[in-house]
Amino acid sequence: QVQLEESGGGLVQAGGSLRLACLASGRTFSKSNMAWFRQAPGKEREFVSASAWAFGATYYADSVKGRFTISRDNAKNTLYLQMNNLQTKDTAVYYCAALRANRSGFYDSSGEYVSWGQGTQVTVSS
């Protein structure tokens, strides 16, 4: 399994931007579909975006489509989430997650993922 560590969270005003990073250890990152989830206080963890290791395919939740961009640098074992036009409803702890290596497809259920980071807090003020 890969080990994951997020960074880049913080406090930002509504309309601002942040870029999250997720550094993966291990040799399977380049063959693992990855995703970002988030969890706001009192709410369930929800899917944000996913990136396939092959062909650069990506997938987004409707709530972030057009504002967030997921990308990855396999040479650096790093997954990114560029978040623009942030809104107060985006306030949450953001987690990166990995599917089992070589497993294909996009999944918005957290139970499908086998590796998780510790999370990074994103707070958007009005």
Foldseek 3Di string as FASTA:
>chain_A
DKAKAKDWADEEAQQAKIKMKIAIDDDQLLQWKKFKWWDDPPGDIWGAKIFGSPPGDIDGDPVQPPFWDWDDDVVRRMIMIIGGRDDQVPWTWMKMFIAPGNDDDDDTDPVRTDYIHPTDTHGYHD
